[in-house]
Amino acid sequence: MNDNFLRACRGESVDHTPVWLKRQAGRYLPEFMAIHKKTDFLTMCRTPELAAQITIQPIDIIDADAAIFFSDITTTVVPMGINLEYSTTKGPYYTNPISTATDVNKLIVPDESDESLDFVYDAIQICANELANRVPLIGFAGAPFAMASFMVEGAMSKNYIKLRRMMFEDQQTFQSLMDKITRHTTIYLRKQAQAGAQALMLFDSFAGIVGPLDFEKLCLPYVEQILANLKDTGVPLIYFALGAHGSLPKIGNCGADVVSVDYRMNLDTAIEKLGNGVSVQGNLNPFTLFQSRDEIEKKVKMTLDQGKSARGHIFNLGHGIMPGTSVDNVKILVDTVHTHSQT
């Protein structure tokens, strides 16, 4: 197996800097779109054979050093009593968003015997078996604050006013919601590891919408709780807090093995703030992939050079691959990482 990704997570020596990309199984791939034309998004997520096929596509096509399981973070909380629908115009959305303490009290925290998300674990088992001698498989979930954002707003939001009002006007209700999500997410990720995921990642997609002090007081402790409770799985734990630049020193000590960095700051600056106790992942601007081959190669090499100061470096984008990105340009990125970083 190519285990460079796992070794970089642990800060061990590697043959080359490993590379995988957020949303590498996605709409930029014609092979993905061929499936999507026949099947709606939620069915793709909920059909183990399809989810596994989509997960493995970029390993075959772009030669990534790790696979990330194909799913969507919005599916995670359905067993808690949340109704999920999908619209081609606004994407996933919840029909019964959370707004009161009564709503939070009604939420269920399923135990490990719950079978509602077995389609996830079944797909992970398929992927793990098919990738066994190839590359590691990453499982993931939304961090508690990311999930609270969706659950309170009902969908993506421009300003997250409902969420922020709950955070500051009714902290008891907000904290009760975060606690329930935390307990559910811990079980969800543990079962992913048991199914065969060899690393676990938490996406805190809206961490940057609150200031550092509020993020560190009201959001980060729940991440720390999840990571602490998952240490005994023995798999590397990755945390991505989009936009939370002011909290990087705290994030560097949150219990993650790897911290993923977005593209809005230089990687070497982030490494300095995080300290030498974690590996880093990132952080090329995804729009670089719309540039020329020379520009892609130049910026990939620059990111690789900045990553050398970290305990370990996993090359990635600072956000997901954008729809319309050229597959050839993605291959240029991966090839450049592999050739420029060989030891």
Protein backbone atom coordinates (compact mmCIF):
# COMPACT_ATOMS: atom_id res chain seq x y z
CA MET A 1 0.00 0.00 0.00
CA ASN A 2 1.02 3.61 -0.63
CA ASP A 3 0.99 4.78 3.00
CA ASN A 4 2.70 8.16 2.52
CA PHE A 5 -0.50 9.91 3.62
CA LEU A 6 -0.66 8.04 6.93
CA ARG A 7 3.05 8.57 7.56
CA ALA A 8 2.75 12.30 6.91
CA CYS A 9 -0.18 12.46 9.34
CA ARG A 10 2.11 11.01 12.01
CA GLY A 11 5.08 13.21 11.10
CA GLU A 12 7.12 10.28 9.78
CA SER A 13 9.40 10.25 6.73
CA VAL A 14 7.73 9.87 3.32
CA ASP A 15 8.80 8.91 -0.21
CA HIS A 16 7.02 12.00 -1.52
CA THR A 17 4.59 14.55 -0.15
CA PRO A 18 1.17 12.88 -0.28
CA VAL A 19 -1.63 14.69 -2.07
CA TRP A 20 -5.39 14.42 -2.08
CA LEU A 21 -7.92 17.16 -2.79
CA LYS A 22 -11.11 18.31 -1.11
CA ARG A 23 -14.06 17.37 -3.36
CA GLN A 24 -11.75 15.23 -5.48
CA ALA A 25 -14.79 13.02 -6.07
CA GLY A 26 -17.02 15.66 -7.59
CA ARG A 27 -18.56 17.63 -10.39
CA TYR A 28 -15.33 18.42 -12.27
CA LEU A 29 -15.08 14.72 -13.24
CA PRO A 30 -17.07 13.61 -16.33
CA GLU A 31 -17.27 10.15 -14.74
CA PHE A 32 -19.01 11.64 -11.70
CA MET A 33 -21.42 13.65 -13.84
CA ALA A 34 -22.31 10.55 -15.86
CA ILE A 35 -23.58 8.94 -12.64
CA HIS A 36 -25.23 12.16 -11.44
CA LYS A 37 -27.24 12.49 -14.67
CA LYS A 38 -28.94 9.19 -13.86
CA THR A 39 -29.22 9.56 -10.08
CA ASP A 40 -30.13 12.35 -7.67
CA PHE A 41 -27.55 13.51 -5.15
CA LEU A 42 -29.05 11.99 -2.01
CA THR A 43 -29.52 8.62 -3.71
CA MET A 44 -25.84 8.71 -4.66
CA CYS A 45 -24.97 9.29 -1.00
CA ARG A 46 -27.36 6.63 0.30
CA THR A 47 -26.48 3.83 -2.16
CA PRO A 48 -23.32 2.09 -0.87
CA GLU A 49 -22.23 0.74 -4.26
CA LEU A 50 -22.57 4.15 -5.93
CA ALA A 51 -20.90 6.03 -3.07
CA ALA A 52 -17.99 3.57 -3.17
CA GLN A 53 -17.65 3.86 -6.95
CA ILE A 54 -17.56 7.66 -6.72
CA THR A 55 -15.05 7.56 -3.85
CA ILE A 56 -12.62 5.43 -5.85
CA GLN A 57 -12.93 7.32 -9.17
CA PRO A 58 -10.26 9.97 -8.42
CA ILE A 59 -7.78 7.34 -7.28
CA ASP A 60 -7.99 5.79 -10.73
CA ILE A 61 -8.14 9.10 -12.62
CA ILE A 62 -5.84 11.59 -10.86
CA ASP A 63 -3.61 9.22 -8.83
CA ALA A 64 -4.35 10.77 -5.42
CA ASP A 65 -2.51 9.36 -2.39
CA ALA A 66 -5.69 9.00 -0.30
CA ALA A 67 -9.40 8.59 -0.92
CA ILE A 68 -12.02 10.54 0.99
CA PHE A 69 -15.37 8.84 1.35
CA PHE A 70 -18.09 10.36 -0.84
CA SER A 71 -21.00 11.66 1.19
CA ASP A 72 -22.43 14.93 2.45
CA ILE A 73 -22.24 16.27 6.00
CA THR A 74 -25.95 17.08 5.98
CA THR A 75 -26.91 13.38 6.04
CA THR A 76 -25.25 12.89 9.43
CA VAL A 77 -27.98 14.32 11.67
CA VAL A 78 -31.03 12.76 10.01
CA PRO A 79 -31.18 10.01 12.70
CA MET A 80 -31.46 12.77 15.32
CA GLY A 81 -34.89 13.67 13.93
CA ILE A 82 -33.95 16.13 11.18
CA ASN A 83 -35.74 15.93 7.82
CA LEU A 84 -33.37 16.26 4.85
CA GLU A 85 -34.41 17.20 1.32
CA TYR A 86 -32.42 18.16 -1.76
CA SER A 87 -33.03 20.89 -4.31
CA THR A 88 -31.09 21.35 -7.54
CA THR A 89 -31.11 25.11 -6.90
CA LYS A 90 -30.13 25.33 -3.22
CA GLY A 91 -28.65 21.91 -2.52
CA PRO A 92 -29.35 19.97 0.71
CA TYR A 93 -31.73 21.60 3.18
CA TYR A 94 -33.63 20.71 6.35
CA THR A 95 -37.42 21.09 6.44
CA ASN A 96 -37.60 21.29 10.25
CA PRO A 97 -34.81 23.63 11.39
CA ILE A 98 -34.05 24.10 15.08
CA SER A 99 -35.10 27.39 16.68
CA THR A 100 -36.11 26.75 20.31
CA ALA A 101 -35.09 24.80 23.39
CA THR A 102 -38.12 22.58 22.80
CA ASP A 103 -36.76 21.71 19.34
CA VAL A 104 -33.40 20.78 20.85
CA ASN A 105 -35.01 18.69 23.59
CA LYS A 106 -36.80 16.64 20.92
CA LEU A 107 -33.55 15.71 19.18
CA ILE A 108 -32.43 12.10 19.60
CA VAL A 109 -28.85 10.96 20.15
CA PRO A 110 -28.91 7.44 18.67
CA ASP A 111 -26.71 4.83 20.30
CA GLU A 112 -24.23 2.59 18.48
CA SER A 113 -26.93 0.01 17.70
CA ASP A 114 -28.81 2.48 15.47
CA GLU A 115 -28.84 1.35 11.83
CA SER A 116 -30.00 4.58 10.18
CA LEU A 117 -26.57 5.38 8.76
CA ASP A 118 -25.57 1.83 7.85
CA PHE A 119 -25.42 2.90 4.20
CA VAL A 120 -22.37 4.96 5.17
CA TYR A 121 -20.61 2.13 6.97
CA ASP A 122 -21.47 -0.36 4.22
CA ALA A 123 -19.97 1.96 1.60
CA ILE A 124 -16.85 2.46 3.71
CA GLN A 125 -16.42 -1.30 3.98
CA ILE A 126 -16.66 -1.64 0.20
CA CYS A 127 -14.11 1.16 -0.32
CA ALA A 128 -11.74 -0.19 2.32
CA ASN A 129 -11.78 -3.63 0.71
CA GLU A 130 -11.22 -2.30 -2.81
CA LEU A 131 -8.48 0.12 -1.72
CA ALA A 132 -6.76 -2.29 0.68
CA ASN A 133 -3.53 -2.58 -1.31
CA ARG A 134 -3.65 0.89 -2.84
CA VAL A 135 -4.24 3.99 -0.69
CA PRO A 136 -5.81 4.87 2.69
CA LEU A 137 -9.46 5.85 3.07
CA ILE A 138 -10.53 8.98 4.96
CA GLY A 139 -13.87 9.14 6.76
CA PHE A 140 -15.35 12.47 7.78
CA ALA A 141 -18.12 14.42 9.45
CA GLY A 142 -19.15 18.00 9.97
CA ALA A 143 -17.87 19.53 13.20
CA PRO A 144 -20.57 20.43 15.76
CA PHE A 145 -20.63 24.13 14.87
CA ALA A 146 -20.94 23.34 11.15
CA MET A 147 -23.86 21.01 11.83
CA ALA A 148 -25.50 23.48 14.22
CA SER A 149 -25.26 26.08 11.46
CA PHE A 150 -27.20 23.89 9.04
CA MET A 151 -29.68 22.74 11.69
CA VAL A 152 -30.57 26.25 12.85
CA GLU A 153 -30.53 27.98 9.46
CA GLY A 154 -32.03 25.02 7.60
CA ALA A 155 -29.57 25.40 4.72
CA MET A 156 -26.60 27.46 3.59
CA SER A 157 -26.98 31.08 4.68
CA LYS A 158 -25.49 34.42 3.67
CA ASN A 159 -25.22 35.83 7.19
CA TYR A 160 -26.19 33.09 9.71
CA ILE A 161 -28.25 35.54 11.76
CA LYS A 162 -30.48 32.86 13.32
CA LEU A 163 -27.46 30.85 14.42
CA ARG A 164 -25.56 33.83 15.82
CA ARG A 165 -28.60 35.09 17.70
CA MET A 166 -29.01 31.70 19.34
CA MET A 167 -25.31 31.65 20.24
CA PHE A 168 -25.50 34.96 22.04
CA GLU A 169 -29.14 35.32 23.14
CA ASP A 170 -29.75 31.75 24.29
CA GLN A 171 -26.40 30.13 25.01
CA GLN A 172 -27.97 27.38 27.09
CA THR A 173 -30.03 26.17 24.12
CA PHE A 174 -27.04 26.55 21.79
CA GLN A 175 -24.77 24.58 24.10
CA SER A 176 -27.39 21.86 24.54
CA LEU A 177 -27.61 21.57 20.74
CA MET A 178 -23.81 21.43 20.43
CA ASP A 179 -23.62 18.76 23.13
CA LYS A 180 -26.11 16.50 21.37
CA ILE A 181 -24.37 16.92 18.01
CA THR A 182 -21.02 16.19 19.66
CA ARG A 183 -22.21 12.92 21.17
CA HIS A 184 -23.81 11.82 17.90
CA THR A 185 -20.77 12.79 15.80
CA THR A 186 -18.41 10.88 18.08
CA ILE A 187 -20.41 7.68 17.60
CA TYR A 188 -20.71 8.33 13.85
CA LEU A 189 -16.96 8.74 13.36
CA ARG A 190 -16.09 5.82 15.61
CA LYS A 191 -18.31 3.56 13.52
CA GLN A 192 -16.61 4.84 10.37
CA ALA A 193 -13.25 3.78 11.79
CA GLN A 194 -14.69 0.40 12.75
CA ALA A 195 -15.96 0.00 9.17
CA GLY A 196 -12.48 0.56 7.75
CA ALA A 197 -11.71 4.30 7.55
CA GLN A 198 -7.99 4.76 8.21
CA ALA A 199 -8.19 8.47 9.06
CA LEU A 200 -11.02 10.72 10.24
CA MET A 201 -11.60 14.37 9.37
CA LEU A 202 -13.81 17.04 10.95
CA PHE A 203 -14.95 19.89 8.69
CA ASP A 204 -15.73 23.14 10.56
CA SER A 205 -16.99 24.91 7.46
CA PHE A 206 -18.25 28.11 9.12
CA ALA A 207 -15.68 28.57 11.88
CA GLY A 208 -14.69 31.94 10.46
CA ILE A 209 -18.09 33.59 10.96
CA VAL A 210 -17.40 34.21 14.67
CA GLY A 211 -14.43 35.92 16.27
CA PRO A 212 -11.55 33.99 17.85
CA LEU A 213 -12.64 34.41 21.47
CA ASP A 214 -16.20 33.25 20.81
CA PHE A 215 -15.00 30.40 18.60
CA GLU A 216 -12.59 29.22 21.29
CA LYS A 217 -15.21 29.46 24.04
CA LEU A 218 -18.35 28.23 22.27
CA CYS A 219 -17.17 25.96 19.43
CA LEU A 220 -13.66 24.55 19.85
CA PRO A 221 -14.29 22.71 23.16
CA TYR A 222 -16.77 20.40 21.41
CA VAL A 223 -14.19 19.58 18.75
CA GLU A 224 -11.66 18.85 21.47
CA GLN A 225 -14.15 16.51 23.13
CA ILE A 226 -14.71 14.54 19.90
CA LEU A 227 -11.00 14.26 19.17
CA ALA A 228 -10.19 13.15 22.72
CA ASN A 229 -12.89 10.49 22.60
CA LEU A 230 -11.62 9.16 19.26
CA LYS A 231 -7.93 8.88 20.18
CA ASP A 232 -8.39 5.22 21.09
CA THR A 233 -9.36 4.40 17.49
CA GLY A 234 -5.68 4.70 16.63
CA VAL A 235 -6.35 6.46 13.32
CA PRO A 236 -5.04 9.95 12.45
CA LEU A 237 -7.49 12.76 13.25
CA ILE A 238 -7.69 15.78 10.93
CA TYR A 239 -9.40 19.10 11.68
CA PHE A 240 -10.29 21.85 9.20
CA ALA A 241 -11.60 25.14 10.64
CA LEU A 242 -12.27 27.35 7.63
CA GLY A 243 -11.41 30.98 8.30
CA ALA A 244 -10.43 30.56 11.96
CA HIS A 245 -6.99 32.10 11.48
CA GLY A 246 -7.01 33.97 14.78
CA SER A 247 -7.43 30.70 16.66
CA LEU A 248 -4.62 28.70 15.03
CA PRO A 249 -2.46 28.57 18.19
CA LYS A 250 -5.39 27.02 20.08
CA ILE A 251 -6.27 24.75 17.17
CA GLY A 252 -2.70 23.47 17.15
CA ASN A 253 -3.34 22.08 20.63
CA CYS A 254 -6.91 20.82 20.13
CA GLY A 255 -5.96 17.14 19.87
CA ALA A 256 -5.83 16.78 16.09
CA ASP A 257 -2.91 14.98 14.46
CA VAL A 258 -3.31 17.11 11.33
CA VAL A 259 -4.67 20.62 10.87
CA SER A 260 -5.95 21.51 7.42
CA VAL A 261 -5.30 25.12 6.41
CA ASP A 262 -7.41 27.21 4.03
CA TYR A 263 -5.91 29.29 1.22
CA ARG A 264 -6.45 32.71 2.79
CA MET A 265 -3.09 32.72 4.56
CA ASN A 266 0.42 31.56 3.71
CA LEU A 267 1.10 28.00 4.76
CA ASP A 268 4.41 28.84 6.46
CA THR A 269 2.63 31.49 8.58
CA ALA A 270 0.00 28.95 9.60
CA ILE A 271 2.69 26.41 10.50
CA GLU A 272 4.41 28.96 12.74
CA LYS A 273 1.14 29.67 14.56
CA LEU A 274 0.17 25.99 14.89
CA GLY A 275 3.50 24.87 16.35
CA ASN A 276 5.43 21.67 15.69
CA GLY A 277 3.05 19.27 17.42
CA VAL A 278 0.82 18.73 14.38
CA SER A 279 1.16 17.95 10.70
CA VAL A 280 -0.48 20.34 8.24
CA GLN A 281 -2.66 19.86 5.20
CA GLY A 282 -3.11 22.37 2.41
CA ASN A 283 -3.35 24.92 1.07
CA LEU A 284 -3.32 25.85 -2.63
CA ASN A 285 -6.02 28.26 -3.80
CA PRO A 286 -8.45 26.09 -5.82
CA PHE A 287 -8.76 28.82 -8.45
CA THR A 288 -5.09 28.27 -9.29
CA LEU A 289 -6.35 25.27 -11.25
CA PHE A 290 -7.91 27.67 -13.78
CA GLN A 291 -4.45 29.07 -14.60
CA SER A 292 -1.74 27.94 -17.01
CA ARG A 293 0.43 24.88 -16.50
CA ASP A 294 3.41 27.09 -15.62
CA GLU A 295 1.45 28.97 -12.96
CA ILE A 296 0.07 25.76 -11.46
CA GLU A 297 3.53 24.20 -11.26
CA LYS A 298 5.05 27.38 -9.79
CA LYS A 299 2.41 27.72 -7.06
CA VAL A 300 2.43 24.02 -6.23
CA LYS A 301 6.20 24.15 -5.74
CA MET A 302 5.85 27.28 -3.60
CA THR A 303 3.31 25.53 -1.36
CA LEU A 304 5.53 22.45 -1.11
CA ASP A 305 8.50 24.59 -0.10
CA GLN A 306 6.45 26.32 2.60
CA GLY A 307 5.25 22.95 3.88
CA LYS A 308 8.79 21.77 4.57
CA SER A 309 8.82 23.59 7.92
CA ALA A 310 5.95 21.46 9.27
CA ARG A 311 6.22 18.21 11.21
CA GLY A 312 4.51 16.59 8.23
CA HIS A 313 2.80 18.00 5.15
CA ILE A 314 -0.12 16.64 3.13
CA PHE A 315 -0.67 18.65 -0.02
CA ASN A 316 -4.26 19.73 -0.58
CA LEU A 317 -6.31 22.66 -1.74
CA GLY A 318 -7.33 25.34 0.73
CA HIS A 319 -10.95 24.61 -0.22
CA GLY A 320 -12.77 22.20 -2.53
CA ILE A 321 -12.17 21.73 -6.25
CA MET A 322 -14.45 24.12 -8.14
CA PRO A 323 -16.94 22.85 -10.74
CA GLY A 324 -15.55 23.41 -14.22
CA THR A 325 -11.97 22.72 -13.17
CA SER A 326 -9.97 20.96 -15.88
CA VAL A 327 -9.16 17.34 -15.04
CA ASP A 328 -5.88 17.79 -16.93
CA ASN A 329 -4.95 20.66 -14.61
CA VAL A 330 -5.74 18.53 -11.56
CA LYS A 331 -3.42 15.86 -12.97
CA ILE A 332 -0.71 18.51 -13.46
CA LEU A 333 -1.07 19.44 -9.78
CA VAL A 334 -0.78 15.84 -8.58
CA ASP A 335 2.13 15.03 -10.91
CA THR A 336 3.99 18.16 -9.82
CA VAL A 337 3.57 17.31 -6.15
CA HIS A 338 4.83 13.78 -6.72
CA THR A 339 7.86 14.70 -8.85
CA HIS A 340 8.93 17.85 -6.99
CA SER A 341 8.75 16.29 -3.52
CA GLN A 342 10.42 12.91 -4.11
CA THR A 343 13.06 12.11 -1.49
